Amino acid sequence: MIKYDIAAYVWPSYTGDEPRSRMFWKEGYGEWQTVKSATAKFPGHSWPRKPLWGYVNEADPKVMEMEIEAAVSHGVNVFIYDWYWYDNRPFLENCLNDGFLKASNKNKMKFYLMWANHDANHLWNKELSDTEVGSTVIWKGAVVPEQFEIMYRRLAKKYFTEENYYKIDGCPVFMIYELATFIEGMGSIETAATMLKEFREYVKSLGFPGLHIQFTGRGSGTLNLSGVDGKCTADVSELITKLSLDSFTHYQFVHVTDIDRDYREIVKDIEKMWEKTDEDYSIPYFPHVSCGWDNNPRFKGFRPGIVRNNTPENFRVALEKAKAYIDRHPERPKLITVNSWNEWTETSYLEPDDLYGYGYLEAIKEVFLK
């Protein structure tokens, strides 16, 4: 049987172990507080939903042992942890450090980091998310070069050296969520390139052949770099060369296309986009599949933009298309990213609920294990 790496993003907020998380979820068990308060916004809306495993603390190694078993038995063998660095220090690491990495069966599952370097505002606080202060920035996602060096030295030594850290050709994989924000913090494209080169050299000093730098794509082939080098935009193809990036994927369908429609129509557009990446970019693309999108749980009022008909059956069809795409590129690692393991408040998760049960996980098992 051909082995595929099915990598699901993990949103590490379902724990109250991080003290700073109380400013968003004061009840002390993370964003489960938002999930529990979610209600239907219109007739036929599929909320509220309930997790079949309960409102578990994902910083508990016993909980993660259960989740790892469920994941690998259904074909999910990689977790991509959303990883944060705010106010010159890490944020929401407990799920990874105290849950996953202390699980007795952790070596059944690979993991790698996606630096979620977006600004943090009041989106996570349902009391403020749709008020006039909701978009107020609390912490900036951009970091200056001196902080970036402190950051990468810490994470490389702490995580890349773990036996089950995910690698491509022996090189640890590290994903950057917002390329434009990274460059903004560096101050110029040239400085960004220099700092990534230094990052690579540091990783080599730890005994690895190199570093595999991945980035998350957006819908356009250009990035807004206002305030950097006096430029307003930059061509992504040009940045790939200047920054020596190794591969890219996506985080969510919502970053690529209009999602306020039928899932089957969305997937048609996504499949076209996959093919276009081969024409437009010089580095490998790893196909991405999202379960859906509806972030109404995070707001008291209604938020437009909801994927319709994103059933496990239609999700399975999207997975089959991703498998076919990666099979047409036998020279590439068989890596497929999925949104997500547990993005409950964006209604895009594999964890079982009272609506579809284990349906999404069974879809992955059907396509990649049977």
Protein backbone atom coordinates (compact mmCIF):
# COMPACT_ATOMS: atom_id res chain seq x y z
CA MET A 1 0.00 0.00 0.00
CA ILE A 2 1.25 3.50 -0.88
CA LYS A 3 1.70 5.60 2.25
CA TYR A 4 0.29 9.11 2.26
CA ASP A 5 1.00 11.76 4.86
CA ILE A 6 -2.34 13.29 5.81
CA ALA A 7 -1.52 16.37 7.87
CA ALA A 8 -4.30 18.04 9.86
CA TYR A 9 -3.90 21.50 11.33
CA VAL A 10 -4.35 21.76 15.11
CA TRP A 11 -5.76 24.91 16.71
CA PRO A 12 -4.29 24.63 20.23
CA SER A 13 -6.93 26.62 22.09
CA TYR A 14 -8.97 23.84 23.69
CA THR A 15 -7.23 24.09 27.03
CA GLY A 16 -7.22 26.64 29.83
CA ASP A 17 -3.60 25.96 30.79
CA GLU A 18 -2.25 29.09 29.10
CA PRO A 19 -2.79 32.03 31.53
CA ARG A 20 -3.02 34.67 28.79
CA SER A 21 -5.88 32.78 27.14
CA ARG A 22 -8.17 33.90 30.01
CA MET A 23 -8.48 37.34 28.41
CA PHE A 24 -10.42 35.64 25.60
CA TRP A 25 -12.04 32.69 27.39
CA LYS A 26 -12.43 33.62 31.03
CA GLU A 27 -14.17 30.39 32.09
CA GLY A 28 -10.84 28.58 31.95
CA TYR A 29 -11.22 25.83 29.37
CA GLY A 30 -10.23 27.69 26.23
CA GLU A 31 -12.36 28.17 23.16
CA TRP A 32 -14.69 25.38 24.18
CA GLN A 33 -16.40 28.30 25.95
CA THR A 34 -17.28 29.72 22.51
CA VAL A 35 -18.32 26.34 21.12
CA LYS A 36 -20.71 25.76 24.04
CA SER A 37 -22.34 29.16 23.56
CA ALA A 38 -22.89 28.80 19.79
CA THR A 39 -26.50 29.01 18.62
CA ALA A 40 -28.32 28.87 15.29
CA LYS A 41 -28.38 32.23 13.47
CA PHE A 42 -31.14 31.32 10.98
CA PRO A 43 -33.60 28.47 10.32
CA GLY A 44 -31.67 25.41 9.21
CA HIS A 45 -28.33 26.60 10.59
CA SER A 46 -26.40 23.54 11.76
CA TRP A 47 -25.44 24.98 15.15
CA PRO A 48 -25.29 24.20 18.04
CA ARG A 49 -23.01 21.17 17.74
CA LYS A 50 -21.45 19.02 20.43
CA PRO A 51 -18.14 17.10 20.46
CA LEU A 52 -18.62 13.37 20.93
CA TRP A 53 -15.47 13.26 23.07
CA GLY A 54 -16.75 16.04 25.30
CA TYR A 55 -15.13 19.39 26.08
CA VAL A 56 -11.78 17.77 26.75
CA ASN A 57 -8.53 19.47 27.78
CA GLU A 58 -6.17 18.88 24.86
CA ALA A 59 -3.19 19.74 27.06
CA ASP A 60 -3.86 16.50 28.94
CA PRO A 61 -1.59 13.68 27.66
CA LYS A 62 -4.29 11.07 28.31
CA VAL A 63 -6.68 13.01 26.09
CA MET A 64 -4.04 13.30 23.38
CA GLU A 65 -3.29 9.58 23.57
CA MET A 66 -6.94 8.94 22.74
CA GLU A 67 -6.90 11.50 19.93
CA ILE A 68 -3.67 10.15 18.43
CA GLU A 69 -5.17 6.65 18.31
CA ALA A 70 -8.30 7.97 16.62
CA ALA A 71 -6.27 9.97 14.13
CA VAL A 72 -3.80 7.30 13.01
CA SER A 73 -6.45 4.59 12.84
CA HIS A 74 -8.29 6.73 10.29
CA GLY A 75 -5.25 7.74 8.23
CA VAL A 76 -4.28 11.08 9.80
CA ASN A 77 -0.60 10.64 10.63
CA VAL A 78 0.68 14.23 10.92
CA PHE A 79 -0.44 17.14 13.07
CA ILE A 80 0.50 20.67 11.99
CA TYR A 81 0.39 22.77 15.14
CA ASP A 82 -0.60 26.41 14.86
CA TRP A 83 2.28 27.99 16.75
CA TYR A 84 2.32 31.56 18.08
CA TRP A 85 4.93 34.08 19.18
CA TYR A 86 3.35 37.19 20.66
CA ASP A 87 4.82 39.92 22.81
CA ASN A 88 8.32 38.38 22.53
CA ARG A 89 7.27 34.97 23.88
CA PRO A 90 5.31 31.87 22.85
CA PHE A 91 1.54 31.62 23.19
CA LEU A 92 -0.78 28.58 23.40
CA GLU A 93 2.06 26.02 23.51
CA ASN A 94 0.46 23.91 26.25
CA CYS A 95 -1.55 21.72 23.89
CA LEU A 96 1.68 20.69 22.14
CA ASN A 97 4.09 20.69 25.08
CA ASP A 98 1.92 19.19 27.82
CA GLY A 99 -0.54 17.20 25.75
CA PHE A 100 0.91 15.83 22.53
CA LEU A 101 4.60 15.63 23.45
CA LYS A 102 3.84 13.94 26.78
CA ALA A 103 1.50 11.35 25.24
CA SER A 104 2.88 7.81 25.57
CA ASN A 105 2.01 7.04 21.93
CA LYS A 106 3.30 10.30 20.41
CA ASN A 107 5.71 8.48 18.10
CA LYS A 108 2.78 7.02 16.18
CA MET A 109 2.19 10.53 14.87
CA LYS A 110 4.50 13.06 13.21
CA PHE A 111 4.11 16.79 13.80
CA TYR A 112 5.43 20.08 12.54
CA LEU A 113 4.89 23.77 13.20
CA MET A 114 3.06 26.45 11.29
CA TRP A 115 4.09 29.85 12.62
CA ALA A 116 0.68 31.57 12.80
CA ASN A 117 2.19 35.05 12.57
CA HIS A 118 -1.03 37.03 12.14
CA ASP A 119 -2.01 39.90 14.40
CA ALA A 120 -4.11 38.97 17.43
CA ASN A 121 -7.24 41.03 18.05
CA HIS A 122 -10.54 40.52 19.89
CA LEU A 123 -11.85 37.95 17.39
CA TRP A 124 -11.42 35.22 20.02
CA ASN A 125 -13.46 37.16 22.60
CA LYS A 126 -17.11 36.68 21.73
CA GLU A 127 -18.11 39.59 23.96
CA LEU A 128 -16.10 41.95 21.76
CA SER A 129 -15.66 40.22 18.39
CA ASP A 130 -18.46 42.01 16.54
CA THR A 131 -18.21 45.34 18.36
CA GLU A 132 -16.34 48.40 17.17
CA VAL A 133 -13.26 47.34 19.16
CA GLY A 134 -13.27 43.81 17.77
CA SER A 135 -10.51 44.50 15.25
CA THR A 136 -8.27 46.32 17.73
CA VAL A 137 -4.82 44.73 17.62
CA ILE A 138 -3.65 43.26 20.93
CA TRP A 139 -0.40 41.69 19.75
CA LYS A 140 1.40 42.20 16.44
CA GLY A 141 2.27 39.11 14.43
CA ALA A 142 5.34 40.69 12.83
CA VAL A 143 8.66 40.32 14.67
CA VAL A 144 11.93 42.19 14.17
CA PRO A 145 15.11 40.30 13.17
CA GLU A 146 16.51 40.17 16.73
CA GLN A 147 13.31 38.57 18.03
CA PHE A 148 13.15 36.21 15.06
CA GLU A 149 16.59 34.86 15.91
CA ILE A 150 15.60 34.28 19.54
CA MET A 151 12.41 32.63 18.31
CA TYR A 152 13.92 30.29 15.73
CA ARG A 153 16.77 29.18 17.98
CA ARG A 154 14.31 28.24 20.69
CA LEU A 155 11.82 26.40 18.49
CA ALA A 156 14.47 24.57 16.46
CA LYS A 157 16.25 23.24 19.53
CA LYS A 158 13.00 22.46 21.36
CA TYR A 159 10.95 20.89 18.56
CA PHE A 160 13.05 19.98 15.51
CA THR A 161 15.11 17.62 17.65
CA GLU A 162 12.04 15.58 18.64
CA GLU A 163 12.18 12.10 17.09
CA ASN A 164 8.72 12.47 15.53
CA TYR A 165 9.18 15.94 14.03
CA TYR A 166 8.12 15.81 10.38
CA LYS A 167 10.91 16.06 7.82
CA ILE A 168 11.29 16.10 4.04
CA ASP A 169 14.59 14.66 2.81
CA GLY A 170 15.81 14.75 6.39
CA CYS A 171 15.07 18.48 6.74
CA PRO A 172 12.61 19.68 9.41
CA VAL A 173 9.58 21.37 7.85
CA PHE A 174 8.61 24.82 9.12
CA MET A 175 5.62 26.70 7.71
CA ILE A 176 5.10 30.46 7.68
CA TYR A 177 1.44 31.48 7.67
CA GLU A 178 1.70 35.09 6.50
CA LEU A 179 4.69 35.68 4.26
CA ALA A 180 3.92 39.40 3.91
CA THR A 181 3.80 39.86 7.71
CA PHE A 182 7.13 38.08 8.06
CA ILE A 183 8.74 40.41 5.52
CA GLU A 184 7.13 43.42 7.19
CA GLY A 185 8.76 42.50 10.50
CA MET A 186 12.14 42.02 8.83
CA GLY A 187 11.87 45.46 7.23
CA SER A 188 12.89 44.39 3.73
CA ILE A 189 12.94 41.39 1.41
CA GLU A 190 16.73 41.35 1.60
CA THR A 191 16.76 41.19 5.39
CA ALA A 192 14.08 38.49 5.31
CA ALA A 193 16.28 36.43 2.97
CA THR A 194 19.30 36.93 5.23
CA MET A 195 17.42 35.86 8.34
CA LEU A 196 16.02 32.74 6.67
CA LYS A 197 19.54 31.87 5.54
CA GLU A 198 20.77 32.23 9.13
CA PHE A 199 17.84 30.08 10.30
CA ARG A 200 18.89 27.37 7.85
CA GLU A 201 22.51 27.52 9.02
CA TYR A 202 21.44 27.20 12.64
CA VAL A 203 19.36 24.13 11.82
CA LYS A 204 22.37 22.61 10.07
CA SER A 205 24.43 23.25 13.19
CA LEU A 206 21.99 20.98 15.06
CA GLY A 207 22.95 18.11 12.76
CA PHE A 208 20.25 18.30 10.07
CA PRO A 209 21.03 18.50 6.34
CA GLY A 210 18.98 21.69 6.11
CA LEU A 211 15.60 23.30 6.71
CA HIS A 212 12.48 22.92 4.55
CA ILE A 213 10.62 26.24 4.58
CA GLN A 214 7.00 26.05 3.53
CA PHE A 215 4.50 28.88 3.25
CA THR A 216 0.72 29.10 3.09
CA GLY A 217 -0.66 30.46 -0.13
CA ARG A 218 -3.42 32.99 -0.67
CA GLY A 219 -5.76 33.55 -3.58
CA SER A 220 -3.55 36.01 -5.42
CA GLY A 221 -0.12 35.72 -6.99
CA THR A 222 0.91 38.99 -5.35
CA LEU A 223 1.41 40.00 -1.73
CA ASN A 224 0.70 43.38 -0.18
CA LEU A 225 3.99 44.72 1.16
CA SER A 226 2.97 48.27 1.93
CA GLY A 227 5.64 50.01 3.97
CA VAL A 228 8.38 47.53 3.05
CA ASP A 229 11.10 48.91 0.80
CA GLY A 230 8.58 51.46 -0.42
CA LYS A 231 6.77 48.73 -2.38
CA CYS A 232 3.03 48.11 -2.34
CA THR A 233 3.05 44.60 -3.81
CA ALA A 234 5.46 41.80 -4.57
CA ASP A 235 5.18 38.88 -6.94
CA VAL A 236 5.05 35.57 -5.07
CA SER A 237 7.11 33.79 -7.73
CA GLU A 238 9.83 36.39 -7.25
CA LEU A 239 9.74 36.00 -3.47
CA ILE A 240 10.04 32.21 -3.75
CA THR A 241 13.36 32.70 -5.50
CA LYS A 242 14.66 35.53 -3.30
CA LEU A 243 13.76 33.76 -0.05
CA SER A 244 14.73 30.26 -1.29
CA LEU A 245 11.37 28.83 -0.21
CA ASP A 246 10.92 25.08 -0.62
CA SER A 247 7.19 24.38 -0.96
CA PHE A 248 3.73 25.70 -0.23
CA THR A 249 0.22 24.59 0.58
CA HIS A 250 -2.95 26.29 1.86
CA TYR A 251 -4.56 26.63 5.25
CA GLN A 252 -8.21 27.08 4.29
CA PHE A 253 -10.41 27.20 1.19
CA VAL A 254 -11.63 30.61 2.42
CA HIS A 255 -8.18 32.02 1.53
CA VAL A 256 -8.53 30.88 -2.06
CA THR A 257 -12.07 31.34 -3.32
CA ASP A 258 -15.62 32.45 -2.53
CA ILE A 259 -16.90 29.97 0.05
CA ASP A 260 -20.49 31.21 0.33
CA ARG A 261 -21.80 28.43 -1.92
CA ASP A 262 -22.06 24.69 -2.44
CA TYR A 263 -18.98 22.66 -1.40
CA ARG A 264 -19.01 20.73 -4.68
CA GLU A 265 -18.72 23.93 -6.70
CA ILE A 266 -15.89 25.14 -4.46
CA VAL A 267 -13.95 21.91 -5.00
CA LYS A 268 -14.18 22.34 -8.79
CA ASP A 269 -12.44 25.71 -8.49
CA ILE A 270 -9.89 24.35 -6.03
CA GLU A 271 -8.97 21.55 -8.41
CA LYS A 272 -8.33 24.11 -11.16
CA MET A 273 -6.18 26.11 -8.77
CA TRP A 274 -4.07 23.03 -8.00
CA GLU A 275 -3.31 22.55 -11.67
CA LYS A 276 -2.48 26.23 -12.13
CA THR A 277 0.16 26.06 -9.39
CA ASP A 278 2.22 23.79 -11.65
CA GLU A 279 2.26 26.51 -14.31
CA ASP A 280 2.86 29.48 -12.01
CA TYR A 281 5.38 28.29 -9.43
CA SER A 282 8.78 26.64 -9.48
CA ILE A 283 8.47 24.80 -6.15
CA PRO A 284 6.24 21.86 -5.16
CA TYR A 285 2.67 22.44 -4.09
CA PHE A 286 1.03 20.09 -1.60
CA PRO A 287 -2.74 19.95 -2.11
CA HIS A 288 -5.06 21.15 0.62
CA VAL A 289 -8.62 20.10 1.50
CA SER A 290 -10.88 21.96 3.95
CA CYS A 291 -13.89 20.41 5.68
CA GLY A 292 -15.93 23.61 5.42
CA TRP A 293 -16.27 27.15 6.73
CA ASP A 294 -18.68 28.94 9.06
CA ASN A 295 -17.22 31.16 11.78
CA ASN A 296 -20.56 32.27 13.23
CA PRO A 297 -19.83 30.59 16.59
CA ARG A 298 -17.32 33.36 17.29
CA PHE A 299 -19.91 36.13 16.94
CA LYS A 300 -23.19 37.10 18.55
CA GLY A 301 -24.54 38.47 15.28
CA PHE A 302 -24.75 36.73 11.91
CA ARG A 303 -21.61 36.54 9.76
CA PRO A 304 -22.13 35.85 6.03
CA GLY A 305 -19.97 33.32 4.27
CA ILE A 306 -20.96 29.71 4.94
CA VAL A 307 -20.00 26.63 2.97
CA ARG A 308 -23.07 24.60 2.10
CA ASN A 309 -23.42 20.86 1.54
CA ASN A 310 -20.00 20.03 2.98
CA THR A 311 -21.02 16.52 3.96
CA PRO A 312 -18.49 13.78 4.70
CA GLU A 313 -19.44 12.25 1.34
CA ASN A 314 -18.53 15.41 -0.56
CA PHE A 315 -15.41 15.81 1.57
CA ARG A 316 -14.40 12.31 0.48
CA VAL A 317 -14.67 13.34 -3.18
CA ALA A 318 -12.34 16.29 -2.51
CA LEU A 319 -9.85 13.94 -0.84
CA GLU A 320 -9.93 11.64 -3.87
CA LYS A 321 -9.12 14.59 -6.11
CA ALA A 322 -6.22 15.61 -3.86
CA LYS A 323 -4.93 12.04 -3.94
CA ALA A 324 -5.14 11.98 -7.74
CA TYR A 325 -3.25 15.29 -7.94
CA ILE A 326 -0.40 14.12 -5.71
CA ASP A 327 -0.24 10.80 -7.57
CA ARG A 328 0.35 12.76 -10.79
CA HIS A 329 3.52 14.12 -9.15
CA PRO A 330 5.42 11.00 -8.09
CA GLU A 331 8.60 13.03 -7.59
CA ARG A 332 7.03 14.83 -4.62
CA PRO A 333 6.42 13.57 -1.07
CA LYS A 334 2.83 12.36 -0.74
CA LEU A 335 1.76 15.11 1.64
CA ILE A 336 -1.82 16.44 1.79
CA THR A 337 -2.91 19.09 4.29
CA VAL A 338 -6.38 19.21 5.82
CA ASN A 339 -8.22 21.96 7.66
CA SER A 340 -8.48 20.86 10.31
CA TRP A 341 -8.30 18.57 13.30
CA ASN A 342 -10.24 20.89 15.61
CA GLU A 343 -11.22 24.31 14.20
CA TRP A 344 -14.66 24.04 15.78
CA THR A 345 -15.44 27.75 15.78
CA GLU A 346 -14.70 27.92 12.05
CA THR A 347 -16.80 24.76 11.48
CA SER A 348 -13.96 22.93 9.76
CA TYR A 349 -12.88 19.96 11.87
CA LEU A 350 -12.31 16.22 11.74
CA GLU A 351 -13.07 15.53 15.40
CA PRO A 352 -16.37 13.65 15.75
CA ASP A 353 -19.55 15.53 16.62
CA ASP A 354 -23.26 14.91 17.10
CA LEU A 355 -24.05 15.88 13.48
CA TYR A 356 -21.82 13.63 11.36
CA GLY A 357 -20.23 11.43 14.01
CA TYR A 358 -16.91 10.08 12.71
CA GLY A 359 -17.95 10.84 9.14
CA TYR A 360 -15.02 13.05 8.15
CA LEU A 361 -12.47 10.70 9.67
CA GLU A 362 -14.14 7.75 7.99
CA ALA A 363 -13.85 9.59 4.66
CA ILE A 364 -10.08 9.86 5.09
CA LYS A 365 -9.86 6.20 6.06
CA GLU A 366 -11.91 5.21 3.02
CA VAL A 367 -9.66 7.07 0.60
CA PHE A 368 -6.21 6.46 2.08
CA LEU A 369 -6.35 3.23 4.10
CA LYS A 370 -8.82 0.98 2.29
